[in-house]
C-alpha atoms as a PDB file:
ATOM      1  CA  MET A   1     -27.600   7.549  -2.752  1.00  0.00           C
ATOM      2  CA  PRO A   2     -26.349   4.901  -0.875  1.00  0.00           C
ATOM      3  CA  ILE A   3     -22.975   4.821   0.342  1.00  0.00           C
ATOM      4  CA  LYS A   4     -21.381   2.051   2.394  1.00  0.00           C
ATOM      5  CA  SER A   5     -17.888   1.039   3.692  1.00  0.00           C
ATOM      6  CA  TYR A   6     -16.610  -2.524   4.474  1.00  0.00           C
ATOM      7  CA  LEU A   7     -13.920  -4.684   5.468  1.00  0.00           C
ATOM      8  CA  ALA A   8     -13.273  -7.422   2.610  1.00  0.00           C
ATOM      9  CA  HIS A   9     -11.314 -10.294   3.986  1.00  0.00           C
ATOM     10  CA  PRO A  10      -9.540 -12.890   1.291  1.00  0.00           C
ATOM     11  CA  LEU A  11      -8.982 -16.323   1.252  1.00  0.00           C
ATOM     12  CA  GLU A  12      -5.321 -16.958   2.280  1.00  0.00           C
ATOM     13  CA  GLY A  13      -3.101 -15.883  -0.402  1.00  0.00           C
ATOM     14  CA  LYS A  14      -5.988 -13.891  -2.650  1.00  0.00           C
ATOM     15  CA  LYS A  15      -5.594 -10.316  -1.404  1.00  0.00           C
ATOM     16  CA  GLU A  16      -4.392  -9.113  -4.757  1.00  0.00           C
ATOM     17  CA  ASP A  17      -7.003 -11.540  -6.550  1.00  0.00           C
ATOM     18  CA  LEU A  18      -9.717 -10.034  -4.435  1.00  0.00           C
ATOM     19  CA  ALA A  19      -8.565  -6.339  -4.859  1.00  0.00           C
ATOM     20  CA  LYS A  20      -8.351  -6.658  -8.785  1.00  0.00           C
ATOM     21  CA  ALA A  21     -11.581  -8.375  -8.983  1.00  0.00           C
ATOM     22  CA  ILE A  22     -13.461  -5.706  -6.665  1.00  0.00           C
ATOM     23  CA  SER A  23     -11.569  -2.898  -8.306  1.00  0.00           C
ATOM     24  CA  PHE A  24     -13.130  -4.030 -11.823  1.00  0.00           C
ATOM     25  CA  LEU A  25     -16.866  -3.496 -10.455  1.00  0.00           C
ATOM     26  CA  LYS A  26     -18.643  -0.257 -10.978  1.00  0.00           C
ATOM     27  CA  GLY A  27     -19.199   2.052  -8.081  1.00  0.00           C
ATOM     28  CA  CYS A  28     -16.438   0.418  -6.224  1.00  0.00           C
ATOM     29  CA  GLU A  29     -13.162   1.840  -4.568  1.00  0.00           C
ATOM     30  CA  VAL A  30     -10.932  -0.514  -2.832  1.00  0.00           C
ATOM     31  CA  LEU A  31      -8.104   0.270  -0.632  1.00  0.00           C
ATOM     32  CA  PRO A  32      -5.348  -2.458   0.488  1.00  0.00           C
ATOM     33  CA  ALA A  33      -4.510  -2.354   4.044  1.00  0.00           C
ATOM     34  CA  GLU A  34      -0.452  -2.498   4.054  1.00  0.00           C
ATOM     35  CA  ASN A  35       0.353  -4.515   6.868  1.00  0.00           C
ATOM     36  CA  LYS A  36      -2.979  -6.760   7.489  1.00  0.00           C
ATOM     37  CA  ASN A  37      -4.787  -9.336   5.270  1.00  0.00           C
ATOM     38  CA  VAL A  38      -7.827  -7.229   4.631  1.00  0.00           C
ATOM     39  CA  LEU A  39      -9.226  -4.568   2.200  1.00  0.00           C
ATOM     40  CA  VAL A  40     -11.014  -1.328   2.866  1.00  0.00           C
ATOM     41  CA  LEU A  41     -14.238  -1.288   0.255  1.00  0.00           C
ATOM     42  CA  VAL A  42     -16.568   1.716  -0.397  1.00  0.00           C
ATOM     43  CA  THR A  43     -19.306   1.447  -2.522  1.00  0.00           C
ATOM     44  CA  GLU A  44     -21.719   4.030  -3.855  1.00  0.00           C
ATOM     45  CA  THR A  45     -24.787   3.530  -5.906  1.00  0.00           C
ATOM     46  CA  GLU A  46     -27.539   5.390  -7.162  1.00  0.00           C
ATOM     47  CA  THR A  47     -30.425   3.406  -5.573  1.00  0.00           C
ATOM     48  CA  GLU A  48     -31.058   0.499  -2.784  1.00  0.00           C
ATOM     49  CA  GLU A  49     -31.592  -1.764  -6.144  1.00  0.00           C
ATOM     50  CA  GLU A  50     -28.176  -1.288  -7.405  1.00  0.00           C
ATOM     51  CA  ASP A  51     -26.514  -1.457  -4.108  1.00  0.00           C
ATOM     52  CA  THR A  52     -28.385  -4.946  -3.298  1.00  0.00           C
ATOM     53  CA  LYS A  53     -26.831  -6.132  -6.760  1.00  0.00           C
ATOM     54  CA  LEU A  54     -23.450  -4.675  -6.349  1.00  0.00           C
ATOM     55  CA  LYS A  55     -23.329  -6.541  -2.967  1.00  0.00           C
ATOM     56  CA  GLU A  56     -24.513  -9.666  -4.263  1.00  0.00           C
ATOM     57  CA  LYS A  57     -21.517  -9.456  -7.192  1.00  0.00           C
ATOM     58  CA  ILE A  58     -19.127  -8.842  -4.348  1.00  0.00           C
ATOM     59  CA  GLU A  59     -20.040 -11.538  -2.139  1.00  0.00           C
ATOM     60  CA  ALA A  60     -19.822 -14.310  -5.346  1.00  0.00           C
ATOM     61  CA  ILE A  61     -16.368 -13.320  -5.992  1.00  0.00           C
ATOM     62  CA  SER A  62     -14.278 -16.611  -5.177  1.00  0.00           C
ATOM     63  CA  SER A  63     -11.079 -14.882  -3.302  1.00  0.00           C
ATOM     64  CA  LEU A  64     -13.758 -13.386  -0.909  1.00  0.00           C
ATOM     65  CA  LYS A  65     -13.829 -14.871   2.618  1.00  0.00           C
ATOM     66  CA  LEU A  66     -15.760 -12.542   4.669  1.00  0.00           C
ATOM     67  CA  LEU A  67     -17.530  -9.022   4.006  1.00  0.00           C
ATOM     68  CA  ALA A  68     -18.054  -6.881   6.896  1.00  0.00           C
ATOM     69  CA  LEU A  69     -20.226  -3.838   6.475  1.00  0.00           C
ATOM     70  CA  VAL A  70     -18.642  -1.048   8.668  1.00  0.00           C
ATOM     71  CA  SER A  71     -20.959   1.812   8.010  1.00  0.00           C
ATOM     72  CA  GLY A  72     -23.506   2.803   5.465  1.00  0.00           C
ATOM     73  CA  PHE A  73     -25.849   5.730   4.864  1.00  0.00           C
ATOM     74  CA  ASN A  74     -28.287   6.911   2.251  1.00  0.00           C
ATOM     75  CA  THR A  75     -28.443  10.692   0.993  1.00  0.00           C
ATOM     76  CA  PRO A  76     -31.500  11.224  -1.005  1.00  0.00           C
ATOM     77  CA  ILE A  77     -30.952  12.795  -4.286  1.00  0.00           C
ATOM     78  CA  LYS A  78     -32.550  15.946  -4.717  1.00  0.00           C
END
């Protein structure tokens, strides 16, 4: 089960738009920083294939400037 955390940097003035777009995606939790123009994004998927597709969806959001992986790990399903 891949679980990853990212810093999502929005385009100027698009922080709320980006947070809203990400919040609609299954497997995502987004937390806006209060004092910086950045979002903390945590994703959780069942398979590597789902993780890849989810990352592609996130990267396609027009208000996203940069997506930086902070950490990630894969827990095998038992």
